[in-house]
Structures are given as structure tokens and as C-alpha cells.
Amino acid sequence: MNTPFPSEKMLPLRLLIAAPRGFCAGVDRAIEIVERALDIYGAPVYVRHEIVHNKFVVDSLKAKGAVFVEELDAVPDGVPVIFSAHGVPKAVPAKASERGLEWLDATCPLVSKVHRQAERQIEAGRHILFIGHAGHPEVIGTFGQVPEGNMTLVETVEDVASLRFGPDEELAYLSQTTLSVDDTAQIIAAIKARYPQIAGPKAEDICYATSNRQTAVKQVAPLCQLMMVIGAPNSSNSLRLVEVAERAGARAELIQRATDIDPAWLEDVETVGLTAGASAPEELVNEVIARIRELRDVASEEVVTEQENMTFKLPRQLVR
């Protein structure tokens, strides 16, 4: 077991805990959908893809009777299936309906909003430049809302320079909801500079929770030598928090549990920042704080940059 450095145990460590952090309204809703489905239908309830990108959450739901699969073909007949918070291509619920499966959509409403925007832009005759990360479930789900060939992925500013659309072509842009606010702004600026005629969303697609958590890290990280981000390595919004912290001048470490903490990280460190991605529960934050207190004497404070009170309605099948 890792042990504290005796000479440093007596040195007070300043711990700055960022807020907002952790679960967002879309994640809260998705988890509640699985839990209510288990109460109503009984186990097993199948979930296509991880409901949210957090192993602790997924394992907790597995223990209650949820079964996670990557494809609909792995769901047997006669059991309910839930689609993850990241969204799915239109073909997935269509196939579930063809098979007569009872299905529930846990797609975050802010992701669903992007889906509807994509449909409207295609109806208006525009080709969509979609800003996002290749292979991410949200990107796959959004591309699956429109006919193939009507959307082009843009990952970087450099990608914009390689686009081959003419100056008079009807274009629109949309983005994944969990991107870096600053990187996305640069990409959008490059797109608009090259295609001034392009149509965009009325409000940015990056969700409130992603933006708020990045803003909090921007305030905390410059005060720290080390920033710990609780999140999964496949969590886009958590990885962006690591990037934001590093750009603000802090060393950043992505951790999933308190057991990931290396006591050597705290050597010669006076101030540590702590945040959690939108899929990480507060239980893990408390676990990490407890571990840090085992290693050092700690003076902690919460740095609040925004109050969040967003909630989303559940699917009508689950509302009693």
C-alpha cells in the first residue's frame, strides 16, 4: 500500500475543489432511467453501450441487474433495452421497434437538440460540417441522424484548410456537446473565415455542463501545481478538463479512483486542484479527498464559479 512521505505529512496542503463538477443533468437522467427501468420491468434490463462513460457507475448498475452490450444484436427478445446518454443512429431504435423490443431513450436532451438541428439543416439543403472527435459515440449517433454523405467531420483547425467545398455551397456547422470550448471556438472561427455564408446554431452546441466545468478549471488550475481530474479515459468531457488544466499551467492527472493516486505526485506540492467530469459521481470525489487527507494534512476549500439547477424530464414510459 502507498504510504505518505513522513517529512511532508506535516506540511499543510491546500486543496481547491472546483464547482461545478461531476454529474450533469443528462447523466443524472440517464442513470435514473436505468434504475427506474429495473424497478418497473425487473432485471435484466439491457443497455446498448455504457450508459455514461464511468466504470464505477456502470459496475454499480450491473450489480443491480443492468446488462451492457455494444450492439442491439446482443439483446435477446422480450427484454427492455435502453440507449445510452450519448445518443444512437436512427437505425438503432428503428431496428429495436422492428424486433418488437421495448426501448427507452436515455440520450441527453442537449444531444437530441443537436440531432434535430442536423435534420433541419439537411431539410434546408445544407451540407453539415460537424466538429467532433472521430469514433466517439455521440459523433456516431449524430452522423446516423441524416443520410450518409450529408455530413463531414472536422476535428481540427487544420482540417478546415483541407475542405473542398466551394464558396457558394450551402453549408452549416454543428458540434459535439463535450468539446473544448476554446478549441471549438478556434475551429468555428476558421470555418466562418473560409465560408462566410455558413449557417450555424442559434446557440453553441457545447453543453452548459461541459462549459461550466471547463470555466471552473480555468479559475482553479492557475493556482495549483497539480490538478486531478476524476473521469474515465474514454470520457470526452473529462479529457478536455485535463487539457484545460494543462493549458492553464498545472500538471494534470486523469484518475478513475482514489487508488490511482501516486503519493509521489504530492511531493513538493503546495496546492492541488480537484474536479470531476460530468460522468463521475460525488462519491468518487469524496473518496479522492479522503485519500489525499491520508497522505497530507489538508486545508480544503470549494471554488464555485457557477450554480447549476438544470433538470430533464424522464421518458413517459417511466413516469408514474
C-alpha atoms as a PDB file:
ATOM      1  CA  MET A   1       0.000   0.000   0.000  1.00  0.00           C
ATOM      2  CA  ASN A   2       1.234   3.517  -0.781  1.00  0.00           C
ATOM      3  CA  THR A   3       2.430   5.412   2.272  1.00  0.00           C
ATOM      4  CA  PRO A   4       2.759   9.150   2.867  1.00  0.00           C
ATOM      5  CA  PHE A   5       6.077  10.922   2.875  1.00  0.00           C
ATOM      6  CA  PRO A   6       6.806  11.422   6.619  1.00  0.00           C
ATOM      7  CA  SER A   7       8.558  14.743   6.080  1.00  0.00           C
ATOM      8  CA  GLU A   8       5.613  16.109   4.131  1.00  0.00           C
ATOM      9  CA  LYS A   9       2.788  14.793   6.285  1.00  0.00           C
ATOM     10  CA  MET A  10       3.180  17.873   8.493  1.00  0.00           C
ATOM     11  CA  LEU A  11       3.118  20.348   5.629  1.00  0.00           C
ATOM     12  CA  PRO A  12      -0.424  21.668   5.053  1.00  0.00           C
ATOM     13  CA  LEU A  13      -1.675  21.030   1.549  1.00  0.00           C
ATOM     14  CA  ARG A  14      -4.129  23.485   0.048  1.00  0.00           C
ATOM     15  CA  LEU A  15      -6.880  21.592  -1.775  1.00  0.00           C
ATOM     16  CA  LEU A  16      -9.049  23.619  -4.159  1.00  0.00           C
ATOM     17  CA  ILE A  17     -12.212  21.754  -5.163  1.00  0.00           C
ATOM     18  CA  ALA A  18     -13.781  23.079  -8.353  1.00  0.00           C
ATOM     19  CA  ALA A  19     -17.521  23.636  -8.662  1.00  0.00           C
ATOM     20  CA  PRO A  20     -19.467  22.845 -10.740  1.00  0.00           C
ATOM     21  CA  ARG A  21     -18.050  19.332 -11.071  1.00  0.00           C
ATOM     22  CA  GLY A  22     -19.329  15.809 -11.521  1.00  0.00           C
ATOM     23  CA  PHE A  23     -22.756  14.705 -12.657  1.00  0.00           C
ATOM     24  CA  CYS A  24     -24.698  16.889 -15.073  1.00  0.00           C
ATOM     25  CA  ALA A  25     -28.454  16.790 -15.632  1.00  0.00           C
ATOM     26  CA  GLY A  26     -28.117  14.495 -18.656  1.00  0.00           C
ATOM     27  CA  VAL A  27     -26.100  11.944 -16.690  1.00  0.00           C
ATOM     28  CA  ASP A  28     -28.475  12.126 -13.717  1.00  0.00           C
ATOM     29  CA  ARG A  29     -31.367  11.469 -16.088  1.00  0.00           C
ATOM     30  CA  ALA A  30     -29.653   8.558 -17.857  1.00  0.00           C
ATOM     31  CA  ILE A  31     -28.799   6.765 -14.616  1.00  0.00           C
ATOM     32  CA  GLU A  32     -32.300   7.309 -13.245  1.00  0.00           C
ATOM     33  CA  ILE A  33     -33.750   5.832 -16.452  1.00  0.00           C
ATOM     34  CA  VAL A  34     -31.809   2.602 -15.891  1.00  0.00           C
ATOM     35  CA  GLU A  35     -32.705   2.432 -12.201  1.00  0.00           C
ATOM     36  CA  ARG A  36     -36.403   3.083 -12.817  1.00  0.00           C
ATOM     37  CA  ALA A  37     -36.486   0.570 -15.656  1.00  0.00           C
ATOM     38  CA  LEU A  38     -35.066  -2.054 -13.298  1.00  0.00           C
ATOM     39  CA  ASP A  39     -37.758  -1.198 -10.741  1.00  0.00           C
ATOM     40  CA  ILE A  40     -40.579  -1.358 -13.289  1.00  0.00           C
ATOM     41  CA  TYR A  41     -39.514  -4.212 -15.563  1.00  0.00           C
ATOM     42  CA  GLY A  42     -37.241  -6.142 -13.221  1.00  0.00           C
ATOM     43  CA  ALA A  43     -33.801  -7.488 -14.093  1.00  0.00           C
ATOM     44  CA  PRO A  44     -32.323  -7.933 -16.549  1.00  0.00           C
ATOM     45  CA  VAL A  45     -32.577  -4.617 -18.378  1.00  0.00           C
ATOM     46  CA  TYR A  46     -30.204  -4.306 -21.319  1.00  0.00           C
ATOM     47  CA  VAL A  47     -28.268  -1.138 -22.116  1.00  0.00           C
ATOM     48  CA  ARG A  48     -26.671  -0.563 -25.502  1.00  0.00           C
ATOM     49  CA  HIS A  49     -23.201   0.872 -24.839  1.00  0.00           C
ATOM     50  CA  GLU A  50     -22.109   2.248 -21.455  1.00  0.00           C
ATOM     51  CA  ILE A  51     -24.972   4.398 -20.178  1.00  0.00           C
ATOM     52  CA  VAL A  52     -22.329   7.005 -19.304  1.00  0.00           C
ATOM     53  CA  HIS A  53     -18.548   6.765 -19.520  1.00  0.00           C
ATOM     54  CA  ASN A  54     -17.720   5.833 -15.943  1.00  0.00           C
ATOM     55  CA  LYS A  55     -16.728   2.340 -14.781  1.00  0.00           C
ATOM     56  CA  PHE A  56     -17.892   2.919 -11.194  1.00  0.00           C
ATOM     57  CA  VAL A  57     -21.370   3.905 -12.402  1.00  0.00           C
ATOM     58  CA  VAL A  58     -21.572   1.059 -14.912  1.00  0.00           C
ATOM     59  CA  ASP A  59     -20.441  -1.526 -12.353  1.00  0.00           C
ATOM     60  CA  SER A  60     -22.979  -0.205  -9.828  1.00  0.00           C
ATOM     61  CA  LEU A  61     -25.785  -0.629 -12.355  1.00  0.00           C
ATOM     62  CA  LYS A  62     -24.525  -4.094 -13.330  1.00  0.00           C
ATOM     63  CA  ALA A  63     -24.824  -5.105  -9.687  1.00  0.00           C
ATOM     64  CA  LYS A  64     -28.492  -4.060  -9.781  1.00  0.00           C
ATOM     65  CA  GLY A  65     -29.255  -6.133 -12.884  1.00  0.00           C
ATOM     66  CA  ALA A  66     -28.325  -3.993 -15.888  1.00  0.00           C
ATOM     67  CA  VAL A  67     -26.589  -5.799 -18.753  1.00  0.00           C
ATOM     68  CA  PHE A  68     -24.367  -3.703 -21.019  1.00  0.00           C
ATOM     69  CA  VAL A  69     -23.840  -4.670 -24.649  1.00  0.00           C
ATOM     70  CA  GLU A  70     -22.275  -2.896 -27.605  1.00  0.00           C
ATOM     71  CA  GLU A  71     -24.791  -3.861 -30.299  1.00  0.00           C
ATOM     72  CA  LEU A  72     -28.541  -4.415 -30.440  1.00  0.00           C
ATOM     73  CA  ASP A  73     -27.978  -7.922 -31.820  1.00  0.00           C
ATOM     74  CA  ALA A  74     -26.736  -8.924 -28.363  1.00  0.00           C
ATOM     75  CA  VAL A  75     -30.099  -8.043 -26.780  1.00  0.00           C
ATOM     76  CA  PRO A  76     -32.408 -11.074 -26.533  1.00  0.00           C
ATOM     77  CA  ASP A  77     -36.064 -10.859 -27.473  1.00  0.00           C
ATOM     78  CA  GLY A  78     -38.586  -9.960 -24.812  1.00  0.00           C
ATOM     79  CA  VAL A  79     -36.424  -7.716 -22.611  1.00  0.00           C
ATOM     80  CA  PRO A  80     -36.281  -3.905 -22.455  1.00  0.00           C
ATOM     81  CA  VAL A  81     -33.280  -2.080 -23.903  1.00  0.00           C
ATOM     82  CA  ILE A  82     -32.001   1.409 -23.096  1.00  0.00           C
ATOM     83  CA  PHE A  83     -29.947   3.610 -25.420  1.00  0.00           C
ATOM     84  CA  SER A  84     -27.054   5.459 -23.770  1.00  0.00           C
ATOM     85  CA  ALA A  85     -26.802   9.157 -22.959  1.00  0.00           C
ATOM     86  CA  HIS A  86     -24.512   9.692 -25.965  1.00  0.00           C
ATOM     87  CA  GLY A  87     -27.277   9.003 -28.482  1.00  0.00           C
ATOM     88  CA  VAL A  88     -27.586   6.421 -31.246  1.00  0.00           C
ATOM     89  CA  PRO A  89     -28.116   6.451 -35.020  1.00  0.00           C
ATOM     90  CA  LYS A  90     -31.770   6.449 -36.116  1.00  0.00           C
ATOM     91  CA  ALA A  91     -31.365   2.906 -37.410  1.00  0.00           C
ATOM     92  CA  VAL A  92     -30.940   1.533 -33.878  1.00  0.00           C
ATOM     93  CA  PRO A  93     -34.382   2.377 -32.417  1.00  0.00           C
ATOM     94  CA  ALA A  94     -35.913   1.517 -35.798  1.00  0.00           C
ATOM     95  CA  LYS A  95     -34.382  -1.950 -35.613  1.00  0.00           C
ATOM     96  CA  ALA A  96     -35.490  -2.338 -31.985  1.00  0.00           C
ATOM     97  CA  SER A  97     -39.057  -1.500 -32.992  1.00  0.00           C
ATOM     98  CA  GLU A  98     -38.918  -3.987 -35.867  1.00  0.00           C
ATOM     99  CA  ARG A  99     -37.971  -6.683 -33.367  1.00  0.00           C
ATOM    100  CA  GLY A 100     -40.784  -5.670 -31.036  1.00  0.00           C
ATOM    101  CA  LEU A 101     -38.411  -4.660 -28.261  1.00  0.00           C
ATOM    102  CA  GLU A 102     -39.490  -2.256 -25.538  1.00  0.00           C
ATOM    103  CA  TRP A 103     -36.885   0.505 -25.762  1.00  0.00           C
ATOM    104  CA  LEU A 104     -36.094   3.605 -23.760  1.00  0.00           C
ATOM    105  CA  ASP A 105     -34.004   6.512 -24.992  1.00  0.00           C
ATOM    106  CA  ALA A 106     -31.569   7.927 -22.412  1.00  0.00           C
ATOM    107  CA  THR A 107     -29.975  10.275 -24.935  1.00  0.00           C
ATOM    108  CA  CYS A 108     -29.135  13.567 -23.246  1.00  0.00           C
ATOM    109  CA  PRO A 109     -31.736  16.136 -24.360  1.00  0.00           C
ATOM    110  CA  LEU A 110     -28.921  18.519 -25.332  1.00  0.00           C
ATOM    111  CA  VAL A 111     -27.531  15.852 -27.678  1.00  0.00           C
ATOM    112  CA  SER A 112     -31.049  15.270 -29.031  1.00  0.00           C
ATOM    113  CA  LYS A 113     -31.231  19.004 -29.738  1.00  0.00           C
ATOM    114  CA  VAL A 114     -28.151  18.687 -31.966  1.00  0.00           C
ATOM    115  CA  HIS A 115     -29.814  15.731 -33.713  1.00  0.00           C
ATOM    116  CA  ARG A 116     -32.860  17.863 -34.518  1.00  0.00           C
ATOM    117  CA  GLN A 117     -30.653  20.703 -35.752  1.00  0.00           C
ATOM    118  CA  ALA A 118     -28.894  18.281 -38.100  1.00  0.00           C
ATOM    119  CA  GLU A 119     -32.204  17.123 -39.533  1.00  0.00           C
ATOM    120  CA  ARG A 120     -33.346  20.717 -40.095  1.00  0.00           C
ATOM    121  CA  GLN A 121     -30.118  21.712 -41.846  1.00  0.00           C
ATOM    122  CA  ILE A 122     -30.368  18.746 -44.216  1.00  0.00           C
ATOM    123  CA  GLU A 123     -34.024  19.600 -44.900  1.00  0.00           C
ATOM    124  CA  ALA A 124     -32.847  23.116 -45.789  1.00  0.00           C
ATOM    125  CA  GLY A 125     -30.473  21.623 -48.365  1.00  0.00           C
ATOM    126  CA  ARG A 126     -27.235  22.291 -46.497  1.00  0.00           C
ATOM    127  CA  HIS A 127     -24.221  20.044 -46.053  1.00  0.00           C
ATOM    128  CA  ILE A 128     -23.095  19.889 -42.408  1.00  0.00           C
ATOM    129  CA  LEU A 129     -19.569  20.377 -41.130  1.00  0.00           C
ATOM    130  CA  PHE A 130     -19.626  18.564 -37.804  1.00  0.00           C
ATOM    131  CA  ILE A 131     -16.972  19.464 -35.246  1.00  0.00           C
ATOM    132  CA  GLY A 132     -16.146  16.450 -33.101  1.00  0.00           C
ATOM    133  CA  HIS A 133     -13.868  13.510 -32.364  1.00  0.00           C
ATOM    134  CA  ALA A 134     -13.875  10.549 -34.748  1.00  0.00           C
ATOM    135  CA  GLY A 135     -15.261   7.364 -33.229  1.00  0.00           C
ATOM    136  CA  HIS A 136     -16.945   8.988 -30.236  1.00  0.00           C
ATOM    137  CA  PRO A 137     -20.442   7.532 -29.666  1.00  0.00           C
ATOM    138  CA  GLU A 138     -22.027  10.989 -29.789  1.00  0.00           C
ATOM    139  CA  VAL A 139     -20.466  11.655 -33.193  1.00  0.00           C
ATOM    140  CA  ILE A 140     -21.570   8.251 -34.499  1.00  0.00           C
ATOM    141  CA  GLY A 141     -25.087   8.889 -33.217  1.00  0.00           C
ATOM    142  CA  THR A 142     -25.309  12.345 -34.785  1.00  0.00           C
ATOM    143  CA  PHE A 143     -23.994  11.176 -38.158  1.00  0.00           C
ATOM    144  CA  GLY A 144     -26.680   8.493 -38.006  1.00  0.00           C
ATOM    145  CA  GLN A 145     -29.456  11.072 -37.933  1.00  0.00           C
ATOM    146  CA  VAL A 146     -29.020  12.086 -41.566  1.00  0.00           C
ATOM    147  CA  PRO A 147     -28.495  10.248 -44.866  1.00  0.00           C
ATOM    148  CA  GLU A 148     -24.927   9.123 -45.464  1.00  0.00           C
ATOM    149  CA  GLY A 149     -22.755  11.663 -47.253  1.00  0.00           C
ATOM    150  CA  ASN A 150     -24.523  14.729 -45.881  1.00  0.00           C
ATOM    151  CA  MET A 151     -22.081  15.414 -43.049  1.00  0.00           C
ATOM    152  CA  THR A 152     -18.309  15.927 -42.913  1.00  0.00           C
ATOM    153  CA  LEU A 153     -16.288  15.560 -39.712  1.00  0.00           C
ATOM    154  CA  VAL A 154     -13.949  18.386 -38.727  1.00  0.00           C
ATOM    155  CA  GLU A 155     -11.596  17.658 -35.823  1.00  0.00           C
ATOM    156  CA  THR A 156      -9.020  20.458 -36.033  1.00  0.00           C
ATOM    157  CA  VAL A 157      -8.346  23.893 -37.498  1.00  0.00           C
ATOM    158  CA  GLU A 158      -6.038  22.123 -39.960  1.00  0.00           C
ATOM    159  CA  ASP A 159      -8.981  20.057 -41.184  1.00  0.00           C
ATOM    160  CA  VAL A 160     -10.769  23.262 -42.191  1.00  0.00           C
ATOM    161  CA  ALA A 161      -7.966  24.139 -44.601  1.00  0.00           C
ATOM    162  CA  SER A 162      -8.347  20.800 -46.379  1.00  0.00           C
ATOM    163  CA  LEU A 163     -12.106  21.127 -47.008  1.00  0.00           C
ATOM    164  CA  ARG A 164     -13.037  21.181 -50.668  1.00  0.00           C
ATOM    165  CA  PHE A 165     -16.397  22.954 -50.678  1.00  0.00           C
ATOM    166  CA  GLY A 166     -16.943  25.901 -52.989  1.00  0.00           C
ATOM    167  CA  PRO A 167     -17.666  29.446 -51.801  1.00  0.00           C
ATOM    168  CA  ASP A 168     -21.288  29.260 -52.938  1.00  0.00           C
ATOM    169  CA  GLU A 169     -22.189  25.878 -51.457  1.00  0.00           C
ATOM    170  CA  GLU A 170     -24.943  25.681 -48.873  1.00  0.00           C
ATOM    171  CA  LEU A 171     -23.225  24.739 -45.611  1.00  0.00           C
ATOM    172  CA  ALA A 172     -23.979  24.567 -41.898  1.00  0.00           C
ATOM    173  CA  TYR A 173     -21.884  23.657 -38.879  1.00  0.00           C
ATOM    174  CA  LEU A 174     -22.734  21.829 -35.648  1.00  0.00           C
ATOM    175  CA  SER A 175     -20.597  20.354 -32.896  1.00  0.00           C
ATOM    176  CA  GLN A 176     -20.290  17.575 -30.357  1.00  0.00           C
ATOM    177  CA  THR A 177     -21.509  18.734 -26.933  1.00  0.00           C
ATOM    178  CA  THR A 178     -18.409  17.735 -24.915  1.00  0.00           C
ATOM    179  CA  LEU A 179     -15.591  19.543 -26.705  1.00  0.00           C
ATOM    180  CA  SER A 180     -13.024  22.086 -25.564  1.00  0.00           C
ATOM    181  CA  VAL A 181     -14.747  25.464 -25.581  1.00  0.00           C
ATOM    182  CA  ASP A 182     -11.582  27.254 -26.715  1.00  0.00           C
ATOM    183  CA  ASP A 183     -10.573  24.740 -29.404  1.00  0.00           C
ATOM    184  CA  THR A 184     -14.086  24.688 -30.816  1.00  0.00           C
ATOM    185  CA  ALA A 185     -14.206  28.492 -30.950  1.00  0.00           C
ATOM    186  CA  GLN A 186     -10.990  28.475 -32.992  1.00  0.00           C
ATOM    187  CA  ILE A 187     -12.350  25.865 -35.379  1.00  0.00           C
ATOM    188  CA  ILE A 188     -15.617  27.767 -35.826  1.00  0.00           C
ATOM    189  CA  ALA A 189     -13.666  30.983 -36.493  1.00  0.00           C
ATOM    190  CA  ALA A 190     -11.632  29.184 -39.158  1.00  0.00           C
ATOM    191  CA  ILE A 191     -14.789  27.757 -40.737  1.00  0.00           C
ATOM    192  CA  LYS A 192     -16.505  31.150 -40.815  1.00  0.00           C
ATOM    193  CA  ALA A 193     -13.410  32.813 -42.266  1.00  0.00           C
ATOM    194  CA  ARG A 194     -13.334  30.314 -45.118  1.00  0.00           C
ATOM    195  CA  TYR A 195     -17.098  30.016 -45.598  1.00  0.00           C
ATOM    196  CA  PRO A 196     -18.756  33.302 -44.551  1.00  0.00           C
ATOM    197  CA  GLN A 197     -22.073  32.060 -45.904  1.00  0.00           C
ATOM    198  CA  ILE A 198     -22.221  29.117 -43.479  1.00  0.00           C
ATOM    199  CA  ALA A 199     -25.238  28.699 -41.200  1.00  0.00           C
ATOM    200  CA  GLY A 200     -24.741  27.893 -37.528  1.00  0.00           C
ATOM    201  CA  PRO A 201     -26.830  27.032 -34.480  1.00  0.00           C
ATOM    202  CA  LYS A 202     -28.614  29.845 -32.647  1.00  0.00           C
ATOM    203  CA  ALA A 203     -26.702  28.908 -29.502  1.00  0.00           C
ATOM    204  CA  GLU A 204     -23.466  26.930 -29.206  1.00  0.00           C
ATOM    205  CA  ASP A 205     -23.806  23.167 -29.144  1.00  0.00           C
ATOM    206  CA  ILE A 206     -21.253  22.600 -26.361  1.00  0.00           C
ATOM    207  CA  CYS A 207     -23.426  21.836 -23.365  1.00  0.00           C
ATOM    208  CA  TYR A 208     -23.722  24.018 -20.269  1.00  0.00           C
ATOM    209  CA  ALA A 209     -22.086  21.380 -18.066  1.00  0.00           C
ATOM    210  CA  THR A 210     -19.016  20.981 -20.282  1.00  0.00           C
ATOM    211  CA  SER A 211     -18.596  24.742 -20.477  1.00  0.00           C
ATOM    212  CA  ASN A 212     -19.138  25.304 -16.744  1.00  0.00           C
ATOM    213  CA  ARG A 213     -16.653  22.624 -15.710  1.00  0.00           C
ATOM    214  CA  GLN A 214     -14.004  23.999 -18.034  1.00  0.00           C
ATOM    215  CA  THR A 215     -14.572  27.518 -16.688  1.00  0.00           C
ATOM    216  CA  ALA A 216     -14.131  26.280 -13.118  1.00  0.00           C
ATOM    217  CA  VAL A 217     -10.863  24.532 -14.026  1.00  0.00           C
ATOM    218  CA  LYS A 218      -9.605  27.692 -15.734  1.00  0.00           C
ATOM    219  CA  GLN A 219     -10.042  29.508 -12.430  1.00  0.00           C
ATOM    220  CA  VAL A 220      -8.581  26.796 -10.189  1.00  0.00           C
ATOM    221  CA  ALA A 221      -5.706  25.362 -12.251  1.00  0.00           C
ATOM    222  CA  PRO A 222      -3.520  28.529 -12.375  1.00  0.00           C
ATOM    223  CA  LEU A 223      -3.387  28.428  -8.566  1.00  0.00           C
ATOM    224  CA  CYS A 224      -2.183  24.798  -8.467  1.00  0.00           C
ATOM    225  CA  GLN A 225       0.917  22.790  -9.157  1.00  0.00           C
ATOM    226  CA  LEU A 226      -1.249  19.706  -9.691  1.00  0.00           C
ATOM    227  CA  MET A 227      -4.821  19.271 -10.925  1.00  0.00           C
ATOM    228  CA  MET A 228      -6.574  15.933 -10.502  1.00  0.00           C
ATOM    229  CA  VAL A 229      -9.490  15.184 -12.816  1.00  0.00           C
ATOM    230  CA  ILE A 230     -11.762  12.296 -11.864  1.00  0.00           C
ATOM    231  CA  GLY A 231     -13.043  10.674 -15.022  1.00  0.00           C
ATOM    232  CA  ALA A 232     -12.710   7.806 -17.459  1.00  0.00           C
ATOM    233  CA  PRO A 233     -10.108   7.650 -20.239  1.00  0.00           C
ATOM    234  CA  ASN A 234     -12.957   7.335 -22.777  1.00  0.00           C
ATOM    235  CA  SER A 235     -14.838  10.339 -21.356  1.00  0.00           C
ATOM    236  CA  SER A 236     -14.509  13.241 -23.788  1.00  0.00           C
ATOM    237  CA  ASN A 237     -15.502  15.945 -21.305  1.00  0.00           C
ATOM    238  CA  SER A 238     -13.043  14.596 -18.691  1.00  0.00           C
ATOM    239  CA  LEU A 239     -10.160  14.537 -21.165  1.00  0.00           C
ATOM    240  CA  ARG A 240     -10.955  18.130 -22.093  1.00  0.00           C
ATOM    241  CA  LEU A 241     -10.688  19.124 -18.411  1.00  0.00           C
ATOM    242  CA  VAL A 242      -7.177  17.668 -18.318  1.00  0.00           C
ATOM    243  CA  GLU A 243      -6.254  19.719 -21.397  1.00  0.00           C
ATOM    244  CA  VAL A 244      -7.736  22.899 -19.927  1.00  0.00           C
ATOM    245  CA  ALA A 245      -5.774  22.424 -16.693  1.00  0.00           C
ATOM    246  CA  GLU A 246      -2.511  21.841 -18.548  1.00  0.00           C
ATOM    247  CA  ARG A 247      -3.025  24.923 -20.687  1.00  0.00           C
ATOM    248  CA  ALA A 248      -3.594  26.921 -17.503  1.00  0.00           C
ATOM    249  CA  GLY A 249      -0.144  25.893 -16.279  1.00  0.00           C
ATOM    250  CA  ALA A 250      -0.874  22.991 -13.928  1.00  0.00           C
ATOM    251  CA  ARG A 251       0.302  19.412 -14.178  1.00  0.00           C
ATOM    252  CA  ALA A 252      -2.867  17.391 -14.674  1.00  0.00           C
ATOM    253  CA  GLU A 253      -3.635  13.767 -13.886  1.00  0.00           C
ATOM    254  CA  LEU A 254      -6.725  11.863 -15.004  1.00  0.00           C
ATOM    255  CA  ILE A 255      -7.770   9.370 -12.329  1.00  0.00           C
ATOM    256  CA  GLN A 256     -10.700   6.984 -12.071  1.00  0.00           C
ATOM    257  CA  ARG A 257     -10.468   6.125  -8.371  1.00  0.00           C
ATOM    258  CA  ALA A 258      -8.528   7.219  -5.279  1.00  0.00           C
ATOM    259  CA  THR A 259      -6.329   4.138  -5.708  1.00  0.00           C
ATOM    260  CA  ASP A 260      -4.885   5.730  -8.873  1.00  0.00           C
ATOM    261  CA  ILE A 261      -3.213   8.478  -6.845  1.00  0.00           C
ATOM    262  CA  ASP A 262       0.560   8.159  -6.656  1.00  0.00           C
ATOM    263  CA  PRO A 263       1.809   9.714  -3.383  1.00  0.00           C
ATOM    264  CA  ALA A 264       4.877  10.928  -5.292  1.00  0.00           C
ATOM    265  CA  TRP A 265       2.599  13.363  -7.135  1.00  0.00           C
ATOM    266  CA  LEU A 266       2.266  15.352  -3.914  1.00  0.00           C
ATOM    267  CA  GLU A 267       5.991  15.733  -3.346  1.00  0.00           C
ATOM    268  CA  ASP A 268       6.933  19.442  -3.186  1.00  0.00           C
ATOM    269  CA  VAL A 269       3.325  20.395  -3.987  1.00  0.00           C
ATOM    270  CA  GLU A 270       1.635  23.173  -2.019  1.00  0.00           C
ATOM    271  CA  THR A 271      -1.698  23.427  -3.836  1.00  0.00           C
ATOM    272  CA  VAL A 272      -3.758  20.720  -5.538  1.00  0.00           C
ATOM    273  CA  GLY A 273      -6.904  21.269  -7.575  1.00  0.00           C
ATOM    274  CA  LEU A 274      -9.651  18.688  -7.880  1.00  0.00           C
ATOM    275  CA  THR A 275     -12.538  18.345 -10.304  1.00  0.00           C
ATOM    276  CA  ALA A 276     -14.664  15.579 -11.805  1.00  0.00           C
ATOM    277  CA  GLY A 277     -16.010  15.012 -15.285  1.00  0.00           C
ATOM    278  CA  ALA A 278     -19.744  15.054 -15.932  1.00  0.00           C
ATOM    279  CA  SER A 279     -19.993  11.249 -15.632  1.00  0.00           C
ATOM    280  CA  ALA A 280     -18.188  10.972 -12.275  1.00  0.00           C
ATOM    281  CA  PRO A 281     -20.312  10.777  -9.093  1.00  0.00           C
ATOM    282  CA  GLU A 282     -19.639  12.857  -5.987  1.00  0.00           C
ATOM    283  CA  GLU A 283     -18.930   9.610  -4.138  1.00  0.00           C
ATOM    284  CA  LEU A 284     -15.666   9.349  -6.056  1.00  0.00           C
ATOM    285  CA  VAL A 285     -14.798  12.975  -5.245  1.00  0.00           C
ATOM    286  CA  ASN A 286     -15.221  12.235  -1.542  1.00  0.00           C
ATOM    287  CA  GLU A 287     -13.138   9.080  -1.892  1.00  0.00           C
ATOM    288  CA  VAL A 288     -10.294  11.031  -3.505  1.00  0.00           C
ATOM    289  CA  ILE A 289     -10.417  13.763  -0.844  1.00  0.00           C
ATOM    290  CA  ALA A 290     -10.224  11.117   1.873  1.00  0.00           C
ATOM    291  CA  ARG A 291      -7.165   9.551   0.210  1.00  0.00           C
ATOM    292  CA  ILE A 292      -5.404  12.926  -0.071  1.00  0.00           C
ATOM    293  CA  ARG A 293      -6.090  13.511   3.631  1.00  0.00           C
ATOM    294  CA  GLU A 294      -4.379  10.212   4.389  1.00  0.00           C
ATOM    295  CA  LEU A 295      -1.275  11.442   2.603  1.00  0.00           C
ATOM    296  CA  ARG A 296      -1.133  15.063   3.773  1.00  0.00           C
ATOM    297  CA  ASP A 297      -2.609  17.486   6.256  1.00  0.00           C
ATOM    298  CA  VAL A 298      -5.182  19.294   4.127  1.00  0.00           C
ATOM    299  CA  ALA A 299      -6.842  22.693   4.156  1.00  0.00           C
ATOM    300  CA  SER A 300      -9.636  22.429   1.586  1.00  0.00           C
ATOM    301  CA  GLU A 301     -11.936  24.992   0.034  1.00  0.00           C
ATOM    302  CA  GLU A 302     -14.506  24.921  -2.739  1.00  0.00           C
ATOM    303  CA  VAL A 303     -14.135  27.341  -5.628  1.00  0.00           C
ATOM    304  CA  VAL A 304     -17.595  27.989  -7.072  1.00  0.00           C
ATOM    305  CA  THR A 305     -17.838  29.666 -10.473  1.00  0.00           C
ATOM    306  CA  GLU A 306     -21.461  28.836 -11.372  1.00  0.00           C
ATOM    307  CA  GLN A 307     -24.633  27.433  -9.803  1.00  0.00           C
ATOM    308  CA  GLU A 308     -26.382  24.681 -11.763  1.00  0.00           C
ATOM    309  CA  ASN A 309     -30.066  23.801 -11.415  1.00  0.00           C
ATOM    310  CA  MET A 310     -30.824  22.123 -14.744  1.00  0.00           C
ATOM    311  CA  THR A 311     -33.136  19.092 -14.765  1.00  0.00           C
ATOM    312  CA  PHE A 312     -34.548  16.995 -17.610  1.00  0.00           C
ATOM    313  CA  LYS A 313     -37.794  15.051 -17.845  1.00  0.00           C
ATOM    314  CA  LEU A 314     -37.819  11.263 -17.912  1.00  0.00           C
ATOM    315  CA  PRO A 315     -39.295   9.232 -20.808  1.00  0.00           C
ATOM    316  CA  ARG A 316     -43.076   8.981 -20.458  1.00  0.00           C
ATOM    317  CA  GLN A 317     -42.914   5.180 -20.006  1.00  0.00           C
ATOM    318  CA  LEU A 318     -41.183   5.713 -16.671  1.00  0.00           C
ATOM    319  CA  VAL A 319     -43.359   8.491 -15.281  1.00  0.00           C
ATOM    320  CA  ARG A 320     -45.971   7.170 -12.919  1.00  0.00           C
END
